[in-house]
PDB file of N, CA and C in Angstrom:
ATOM      1  N   MET A   1      -9.310  -0.060  -3.017  1.00  0.00           N
ATOM      2  CA  MET A   1      -9.189  -1.475  -3.331  1.00  0.00           C
ATOM      3  C   MET A   1      -9.711  -1.685  -4.736  1.00  0.00           C
ATOM      4  N   ILE A   2      -9.069  -2.511  -5.504  1.00  0.00           N
ATOM      5  CA  ILE A   2      -9.466  -2.887  -6.819  1.00  0.00           C
ATOM      6  C   ILE A   2     -10.343  -4.157  -6.673  1.00  0.00           C
ATOM      7  N   VAL A   3     -11.595  -4.074  -7.116  1.00  0.00           N
ATOM      8  CA  VAL A   3     -12.501  -5.212  -6.958  1.00  0.00           C
ATOM      9  C   VAL A   3     -13.003  -5.779  -8.264  1.00  0.00           C
ATOM     10  N   GLN A   4     -12.870  -5.014  -9.370  1.00  0.00           N
ATOM     11  CA  GLN A   4     -13.331  -5.504 -10.666  1.00  0.00           C
ATOM     12  C   GLN A   4     -12.607  -4.769 -11.760  1.00  0.00           C
ATOM     13  N   LEU A   5     -12.260  -5.489 -12.830  1.00  0.00           N
ATOM     14  CA  LEU A   5     -11.626  -4.858 -13.990  1.00  0.00           C
ATOM     15  C   LEU A   5     -12.320  -5.374 -15.246  1.00  0.00           C
ATOM     16  N   THR A   6     -12.574  -4.463 -16.193  1.00  0.00           N
ATOM     17  CA  THR A   6     -13.150  -4.817 -17.491  1.00  0.00           C
ATOM     18  C   THR A   6     -12.304  -4.228 -18.564  1.00  0.00           C
ATOM     19  N   GLY A   7     -11.883  -5.066 -19.511  1.00  0.00           N
ATOM     20  CA  GLY A   7     -11.034  -4.570 -20.600  1.00  0.00           C
ATOM     21  C   GLY A   7     -10.776  -5.657 -21.636  1.00  0.00           C
ATOM     22  N   THR A   8      -9.775  -5.457 -22.440  1.00  0.00           N
ATOM     23  CA  THR A   8      -9.398  -6.407 -23.502  1.00  0.00           C
ATOM     24  C   THR A   8      -8.363  -7.379 -22.973  1.00  0.00           C
ATOM     25  N   LEU A   9      -8.600  -8.640 -23.231  1.00  0.00           N
ATOM     26  CA  LEU A   9      -7.661  -9.692 -22.808  1.00  0.00           C
ATOM     27  C   LEU A   9      -6.490  -9.667 -23.799  1.00  0.00           C
ATOM     28  N   VAL A  10      -5.304  -9.367 -23.313  1.00  0.00           N
ATOM     29  CA  VAL A  10      -4.120  -9.283 -24.190  1.00  0.00           C
ATOM     30  C   VAL A  10      -3.125 -10.424 -23.976  1.00  0.00           C
ATOM     31  N   GLU A  11      -3.222 -11.161 -22.882  1.00  0.00           N
ATOM     32  CA  GLU A  11      -2.340 -12.304 -22.647  1.00  0.00           C
ATOM     33  C   GLU A  11      -3.059 -13.278 -21.744  1.00  0.00           C
ATOM     34  N   LEU A  12      -2.892 -14.564 -22.001  1.00  0.00           N
ATOM     35  CA  LEU A  12      -3.574 -15.619 -21.223  1.00  0.00           C
ATOM     36  C   LEU A  12      -2.661 -16.814 -21.091  1.00  0.00           C
ATOM     37  N   THR A  13      -2.337 -17.192 -19.883  1.00  0.00           N
ATOM     38  CA  THR A  13      -1.625 -18.432 -19.581  1.00  0.00           C
ATOM     39  C   THR A  13      -2.421 -19.189 -18.533  1.00  0.00           C
ATOM     40  N   ALA A  14      -1.930 -20.340 -18.120  1.00  0.00           N
ATOM     41  CA  ALA A  14      -2.645 -21.130 -17.074  1.00  0.00           C
ATOM     42  C   ALA A  14      -2.556 -20.478 -15.717  1.00  0.00           C
ATOM     43  N   SER A  15      -1.618 -19.521 -15.516  1.00  0.00           N
ATOM     44  CA  SER A  15      -1.436 -18.930 -14.196  1.00  0.00           C
ATOM     45  C   SER A  15      -1.621 -17.406 -14.155  1.00  0.00           C
ATOM     46  N   HIS A  16      -1.689 -16.735 -15.269  1.00  0.00           N
ATOM     47  CA  HIS A  16      -1.906 -15.313 -15.226  1.00  0.00           C
ATOM     48  C   HIS A  16      -2.563 -14.777 -16.512  1.00  0.00           C
ATOM     49  N   VAL A  17      -3.163 -13.620 -16.403  1.00  0.00           N
ATOM     50  CA  VAL A  17      -3.695 -12.927 -17.569  1.00  0.00           C
ATOM     51  C   VAL A  17      -3.239 -11.478 -17.544  1.00  0.00           C
ATOM     52  N   VAL A  18      -3.233 -10.821 -18.691  1.00  0.00           N
ATOM     53  CA  VAL A  18      -3.029  -9.394 -18.746  1.00  0.00           C
ATOM     54  C   VAL A  18      -4.280  -8.808 -19.379  1.00  0.00           C
ATOM     55  N   LEU A  19      -4.845  -7.840 -18.693  1.00  0.00           N
ATOM     56  CA  LEU A  19      -6.068  -7.170 -19.121  1.00  0.00           C
ATOM     57  C   LEU A  19      -5.806  -5.696 -19.382  1.00  0.00           C
ATOM     58  N   ASP A  20      -6.037  -5.228 -20.592  1.00  0.00           N
ATOM     59  CA  ASP A  20      -5.805  -3.831 -20.953  1.00  0.00           C
ATOM     60  C   ASP A  20      -7.097  -3.072 -20.612  1.00  0.00           C
ATOM     61  N   VAL A  21      -6.975  -2.204 -19.629  1.00  0.00           N
ATOM     62  CA  VAL A  21      -8.106  -1.385 -19.181  1.00  0.00           C
ATOM     63  C   VAL A  21      -7.758   0.095 -19.432  1.00  0.00           C
ATOM     64  N   GLY A  22      -8.327   0.645 -20.482  1.00  0.00           N
ATOM     65  CA  GLY A  22      -8.090   2.035 -20.787  1.00  0.00           C
ATOM     66  C   GLY A  22      -6.607   2.340 -21.070  1.00  0.00           C
ATOM     67  N   GLY A  23      -5.909   1.426 -21.692  1.00  0.00           N
ATOM     68  CA  GLY A  23      -4.500   1.665 -22.024  1.00  0.00           C
ATOM     69  C   GLY A  23      -3.510   1.265 -20.913  1.00  0.00           C
ATOM     70  N   VAL A  24      -4.014   0.759 -19.811  1.00  0.00           N
ATOM     71  CA  VAL A  24      -3.151   0.283 -18.737  1.00  0.00           C
ATOM     72  C   VAL A  24      -3.273  -1.225 -18.647  1.00  0.00           C
ATOM     73  N   GLY A  25      -2.163  -1.910 -18.702  1.00  0.00           N
ATOM     74  CA  GLY A  25      -2.164  -3.407 -18.643  1.00  0.00           C
ATOM     75  C   GLY A  25      -2.040  -3.853 -17.208  1.00  0.00           C
ATOM     76  N   TYR A  26      -3.029  -4.639 -16.762  1.00  0.00           N
ATOM     77  CA  TYR A  26      -3.035  -5.185 -15.416  1.00  0.00           C
ATOM     78  C   TYR A  26      -2.725  -6.683 -15.497  1.00  0.00           C
ATOM     79  N   GLU A  27      -1.718  -7.126 -14.767  1.00  0.00           N
ATOM     80  CA  GLU A  27      -1.416  -8.564 -14.703  1.00  0.00           C
ATOM     81  C   GLU A  27      -2.120  -9.105 -13.462  1.00  0.00           C
ATOM     82  N   LEU A  28      -2.891 -10.176 -13.679  1.00  0.00           N
ATOM     83  CA  LEU A  28      -3.639 -10.799 -12.576  1.00  0.00           C
ATOM     84  C   LEU A  28      -3.272 -12.266 -12.537  1.00  0.00           C
ATOM     85  N   GLY A  29      -2.962 -12.757 -11.345  1.00  0.00           N
ATOM     86  CA  GLY A  29      -2.769 -14.200 -11.165  1.00  0.00           C
ATOM     87  C   GLY A  29      -4.153 -14.868 -11.215  1.00  0.00           C
ATOM     88  N   VAL A  30      -4.239 -15.982 -11.909  1.00  0.00           N
ATOM     89  CA  VAL A  30      -5.511 -16.724 -11.998  1.00  0.00           C
ATOM     90  C   VAL A  30      -5.271 -18.215 -11.791  1.00  0.00           C
ATOM     91  N   SER A  31      -6.321 -18.907 -11.467  1.00  0.00           N
ATOM     92  CA  SER A  31      -6.262 -20.386 -11.388  1.00  0.00           C
ATOM     93  C   SER A  31      -6.441 -20.942 -12.786  1.00  0.00           C
ATOM     94  N   ALA A  32      -6.130 -22.203 -12.935  1.00  0.00           N
ATOM     95  CA  ALA A  32      -6.330 -22.874 -14.237  1.00  0.00           C
ATOM     96  C   ALA A  32      -7.841 -22.900 -14.587  1.00  0.00           C
ATOM     97  N   VAL A  33      -8.678 -23.034 -13.578  1.00  0.00           N
ATOM     98  CA  VAL A  33     -10.119 -23.035 -13.844  1.00  0.00           C
ATOM     99  C   VAL A  33     -10.555 -21.684 -14.414  1.00  0.00           C
ATOM    100  N   THR A  34     -10.111 -20.601 -13.793  1.00  0.00           N
ATOM    101  CA  THR A  34     -10.450 -19.270 -14.297  1.00  0.00           C
ATOM    102  C   THR A  34      -9.884 -19.068 -15.685  1.00  0.00           C
ATOM    103  N   ALA A  35      -8.616 -19.416 -15.912  1.00  0.00           N
ATOM    104  CA  ALA A  35      -7.988 -19.291 -17.224  1.00  0.00           C
ATOM    105  C   ALA A  35      -8.779 -20.051 -18.282  1.00  0.00           C
ATOM    106  N   GLY A  36      -9.226 -21.235 -17.937  1.00  0.00           N
ATOM    107  CA  GLY A  36      -9.988 -22.036 -18.891  1.00  0.00           C
ATOM    108  C   GLY A  36     -11.388 -21.505 -19.226  1.00  0.00           C
ATOM    109  N   SER A  37     -11.878 -20.626 -18.373  1.00  0.00           N
ATOM    110  CA  SER A  37     -13.227 -20.088 -18.616  1.00  0.00           C
ATOM    111  C   SER A  37     -13.214 -18.768 -19.408  1.00  0.00           C
ATOM    112  N   LEU A  38     -12.025 -18.258 -19.667  1.00  0.00           N
ATOM    113  CA  LEU A  38     -11.911 -16.984 -20.369  1.00  0.00           C
ATOM    114  C   LEU A  38     -11.913 -17.158 -21.887  1.00  0.00           C
ATOM    115  N   PRO A  39     -12.355 -16.103 -22.610  1.00  0.00           N
ATOM    116  CA  PRO A  39     -12.369 -16.187 -24.073  1.00  0.00           C
ATOM    117  C   PRO A  39     -10.964 -16.014 -24.639  1.00  0.00           C
ATOM    118  N   GLU A  40     -10.848 -16.039 -25.939  1.00  0.00           N
ATOM    119  CA  GLU A  40      -9.535 -15.992 -26.593  1.00  0.00           C
ATOM    120  C   GLU A  40      -8.913 -14.591 -26.439  1.00  0.00           C
ATOM    121  N   VAL A  41      -7.583 -14.527 -26.560  1.00  0.00           N
ATOM    122  CA  VAL A  41      -6.840 -13.288 -26.483  1.00  0.00           C
ATOM    123  C   VAL A  41      -7.381 -12.339 -27.576  1.00  0.00           C
ATOM    124  N   GLY A  42      -7.472 -11.087 -27.214  1.00  0.00           N
ATOM    125  CA  GLY A  42      -7.981 -10.036 -28.132  1.00  0.00           C
ATOM    126  C   GLY A  42      -9.440  -9.735 -27.936  1.00  0.00           C
ATOM    127  N   THR A  43     -10.144 -10.500 -27.065  1.00  0.00           N
ATOM    128  CA  THR A  43     -11.541 -10.251 -26.855  1.00  0.00           C
ATOM    129  C   THR A  43     -11.732  -9.021 -25.938  1.00  0.00           C
ATOM    130  N   PRO A  44     -12.498  -8.051 -26.399  1.00  0.00           N
ATOM    131  CA  PRO A  44     -12.776  -6.874 -25.557  1.00  0.00           C
ATOM    132  C   PRO A  44     -13.940  -7.182 -24.549  1.00  0.00           C
ATOM    133  N   GLY A  45     -14.084  -6.324 -23.540  1.00  0.00           N
ATOM    134  CA  GLY A  45     -15.205  -6.424 -22.630  1.00  0.00           C
ATOM    135  C   GLY A  45     -15.130  -7.589 -21.645  1.00  0.00           C
ATOM    136  N   VAL A  46     -13.933  -8.122 -21.401  1.00  0.00           N
ATOM    137  CA  VAL A  46     -13.750  -9.194 -20.434  1.00  0.00           C
ATOM    138  C   VAL A  46     -13.749  -8.610 -19.036  1.00  0.00           C
ATOM    139  N   THR A  47     -14.533  -9.155 -18.130  1.00  0.00           N
ATOM    140  CA  THR A  47     -14.605  -8.682 -16.767  1.00  0.00           C
ATOM    141  C   THR A  47     -14.079  -9.770 -15.817  1.00  0.00           C
ATOM    142  N   LEU A  48     -13.183  -9.339 -14.933  1.00  0.00           N
ATOM    143  CA  LEU A  48     -12.700 -10.228 -13.863  1.00  0.00           C
ATOM    144  C   LEU A  48     -12.905  -9.537 -12.522  1.00  0.00           C
ATOM    145  N   LEU A  49     -13.352 -10.319 -11.579  1.00  0.00           N
ATOM    146  CA  LEU A  49     -13.354  -9.828 -10.189  1.00  0.00           C
ATOM    147  C   LEU A  49     -11.933  -9.897  -9.685  1.00  0.00           C
ATOM    148  N   ALA A  50     -11.580  -8.993  -8.810  1.00  0.00           N
ATOM    149  CA  ALA A  50     -10.136  -8.899  -8.418  1.00  0.00           C
ATOM    150  C   ALA A  50     -10.006  -8.770  -6.923  1.00  0.00           C
ATOM    151  N   ARG A  51      -8.846  -9.231  -6.477  1.00  0.00           N
ATOM    152  CA  ARG A  51      -8.461  -9.111  -5.057  1.00  0.00           C
ATOM    153  C   ARG A  51      -6.993  -8.698  -5.058  1.00  0.00           C
ATOM    154  N   LEU A  52      -6.721  -7.559  -4.400  1.00  0.00           N
ATOM    155  CA  LEU A  52      -5.357  -7.062  -4.311  1.00  0.00           C
ATOM    156  C   LEU A  52      -4.792  -7.490  -2.953  1.00  0.00           C
ATOM    157  N   ILE A  53      -3.669  -8.202  -2.976  1.00  0.00           N
ATOM    158  CA  ILE A  53      -2.986  -8.681  -1.765  1.00  0.00           C
ATOM    159  C   ILE A  53      -1.741  -7.821  -1.607  1.00  0.00           C
ATOM    160  N   VAL A  54      -1.649  -7.101  -0.486  1.00  0.00           N
ATOM    161  CA  VAL A  54      -0.521  -6.223  -0.203  1.00  0.00           C
ATOM    162  C   VAL A  54       0.297  -6.859   0.909  1.00  0.00           C
ATOM    163  N   ARG A  55       1.568  -7.047   0.610  1.00  0.00           N
ATOM    164  CA  ARG A  55       2.524  -7.574   1.591  1.00  0.00           C
ATOM    165  C   ARG A  55       3.643  -6.577   1.748  1.00  0.00           C
ATOM    166  N   GLU A  56       4.495  -6.806   2.692  1.00  0.00           N
ATOM    167  CA  GLU A  56       5.597  -5.892   2.960  1.00  0.00           C
ATOM    168  C   GLU A  56       6.468  -5.683   1.737  1.00  0.00           C
ATOM    169  N   ASP A  57       6.634  -6.715   0.926  1.00  0.00           N
ATOM    170  CA  ASP A  57       7.579  -6.641  -0.208  1.00  0.00           C
ATOM    171  C   ASP A  57       6.932  -6.773  -1.556  1.00  0.00           C
ATOM    172  N   SER A  58       5.576  -6.848  -1.603  1.00  0.00           N
ATOM    173  CA  SER A  58       4.925  -6.989  -2.920  1.00  0.00           C
ATOM    174  C   SER A  58       3.446  -6.597  -2.864  1.00  0.00           C
ATOM    175  N   MET A  59       2.929  -6.338  -4.044  1.00  0.00           N
ATOM    176  CA  MET A  59       1.480  -6.126  -4.222  1.00  0.00           C
ATOM    177  C   MET A  59       1.077  -7.040  -5.374  1.00  0.00           C
ATOM    178  N   THR A  60       0.159  -7.986  -5.118  1.00  0.00           N
ATOM    179  CA  THR A  60      -0.217  -8.940  -6.157  1.00  0.00           C
ATOM    180  C   THR A  60      -1.714  -8.870  -6.358  1.00  0.00           C
ATOM    181  N   LEU A  61      -2.098  -8.861  -7.642  1.00  0.00           N
ATOM    182  CA  LEU A  61      -3.500  -8.805  -8.015  1.00  0.00           C
ATOM    183  C   LEU A  61      -3.913 -10.194  -8.542  1.00  0.00           C
ATOM    184  N   PHE A  62      -5.017 -10.672  -8.011  1.00  0.00           N
ATOM    185  CA  PHE A  62      -5.549 -11.962  -8.426  1.00  0.00           C
ATOM    186  C   PHE A  62      -6.925 -11.721  -9.075  1.00  0.00           C
ATOM    187  N   GLY A  63      -7.192 -12.545 -10.120  1.00  0.00           N
ATOM    188  CA  GLY A  63      -8.440 -12.385 -10.840  1.00  0.00           C
ATOM    189  C   GLY A  63      -9.314 -13.660 -10.761  1.00  0.00           C
ATOM    190  N   PHE A  64     -10.625 -13.461 -10.755  1.00  0.00           N
ATOM    191  CA  PHE A  64     -11.567 -14.552 -10.640  1.00  0.00           C
ATOM    192  C   PHE A  64     -12.701 -14.331 -11.579  1.00  0.00           C
ATOM    193  N   SER A  65     -13.180 -15.385 -12.219  1.00  0.00           N
ATOM    194  CA  SER A  65     -14.316 -15.244 -13.164  1.00  0.00           C
ATOM    195  C   SER A  65     -15.631 -15.240 -12.475  1.00  0.00           C
ATOM    196  N   THR A  66     -15.731 -15.811 -11.239  1.00  0.00           N
ATOM    197  CA  THR A  66     -16.961 -15.831 -10.468  1.00  0.00           C
ATOM    198  C   THR A  66     -16.645 -15.510  -9.002  1.00  0.00           C
ATOM    199  N   ARG A  67     -17.660 -15.199  -8.227  1.00  0.00           N
ATOM    200  CA  ARG A  67     -17.464 -14.928  -6.805  1.00  0.00           C
ATOM    201  C   ARG A  67     -17.116 -16.175  -6.029  1.00  0.00           C
ATOM    202  N   GLU A  68     -17.531 -17.304  -6.511  1.00  0.00           N
ATOM    203  CA  GLU A  68     -17.267 -18.586  -5.803  1.00  0.00           C
ATOM    204  C   GLU A  68     -15.817 -18.939  -5.914  1.00  0.00           C
TER     205      GLU A  68
END
């Protein structure tokens, strides 16, 4: 299970981010609140808590800036 990712923020929208972790880009769905709390694109060392949801037809990764 993926529970946390730390890397460089390479893309940021109101609904998703892309985090480069060791050369691998992870797309995470985020809320507008989480997106608003993140630093600008290009910032290294950004950490997001993560939850992987596995369904019959998809695997979706969601990111959160806090446990709450």
